[in-house]
Amino acid sequence: MKIEISIRTVLFTLALLAGLWLIGQILDILFLLFIAFLLMTALHPLVIFLERFRVPRFLGILLIYAIVFGFFGASLVGAVPTLVSQSAKLTAELPNFIARVLPYWNIDVTAISQQIQPIGESLVKVTLGIFSNILAVVTVLVFAFYFLLERRHADEILTSVFGSEVARQVLVVLRSIERRLGAWVLGQLILMIAIGVFSYIGLIILHIEYALPLAILAALLEIIPMVGPILSAIPAILVALATSPFLALSVVALYIIVQQLENNLLVPIIMKKSVGFAPIVTIIILMVGGRLAGIVGAVLSIPIALVVQEIVTSVLFKQVTKNPSK
C-alpha cells in the first residue's frame, strides 16, 4: 500500500513543529505577558473610574500602582518579620513544650524538633521566593502599564498587524476574554478580602498575637487553591502553640470554620457567577494545573481555562455559522 504525503502537509507539519519549538523557547515571556494581562483586567475598571474625574490615564495608572502595590508591599513587610520571629520562638521552645505536655509518651523530642525546625524557614523561603525575582515583577508591572495605557488603541494596533477583518474578530475574542478574566480577578479579590476579615475577627476574639499580619497572610495565600488555606493556618497555629495547646486547637477550629464558610457560601455565590464552571470542572482544572506546573499551575489554571474556553467557543461558533446545519 502506497502512502503519499503532499508537500503542503510536510510544510504544515514543519511549521507546526517550529511553532511549538518557538513557544517552548519563549514560554517564560508568554507567562509574564499573561500575568500582565491578568493584572490589566483587574486594574482597568479603576483606570476608567479615575478617567471619569478627568484624571489622565497615565497619572491614573501611576496612582493606582502606588496605592495597590504600596498596600501589598506594606502588608508583606509587616507579615514576614513577625512570622520569622514567631517561628524561631516556637522552634526554640518546642522540645520543652513537648516534654511538658507529653511526659509519659515514648517520643524522641530531639528528632521531632529537628523535623519541625525547618518549617519556619521553609515558610519564609516560600513567601519570599514568590517576590524574590525582582526583574520578573518589574517586567510584569511594565507590561501591565503599557497594556493599560494602550488599551484604547487596541483596535488600531491589531488592524495594523492583522488587517481589519481579522482584527475585528480577534478584538471580539479579546474583549470577551477580558470580561471573563476581570470577573475572575474580582471574585478572587472579594474572596481574599473576606477571608482576611473573617480570619482577623476570629484571631482577635481568640486573643492571638499578631492577628493583623496573620490575617493578611491568610488573605494573600487565598489565591493558592486548596494549598493556600493550609499554608495560612500553619503560622497561626504555631503562634498559638507557643501559648497553649488548647489555643492552638481553637485556631485550628477557627480556620476550619472559615474554610467551610468559604467553600459552602462564598465560592458558590462569588466564583460560580464570575467563572461559570461547575464545581467538579473547577476541581479537575485545578488538579491538572497543579500536576503540570505545581502551585503556579494551580493558581493560573482557571484563568488559562477561561481563555481556552473563549477561544475554542469562538472558533466553533465561527465554524457553525459558516456551515449551518440544514
Foldseek 3Di string as FASTA:
>chain_A
DDDDDDPVNVVVVVVVVVVVVVCVVCVVVVVLLVLLLLVLLQCLVQLVVVVVVVDDSLVSLVVCCCVVVVVVVVLLVVQLVVLLVLLVLLLVCQLVLCCVVPVPDPDDSVVVSVVSNCPSVVLSCVSCVVPVPVVSVVSSSVSNSVCSVCVVCQLVVLCVVPNNVVSVLVVVLVVQLSQLSSLQVVLLLVLLVLQLVLQLVQCVVLVFPPSNSLSNQLSVLSLQPPVSLVSSLVSSLSSQVSPPNVSSVSSVVSSVVSVCCCVPPSCVVRVCVSQVDDPVVLVVQLVVLCVVPNRVRNSCSSSVVSSVVSVVVSVVVVVCVVPPDD
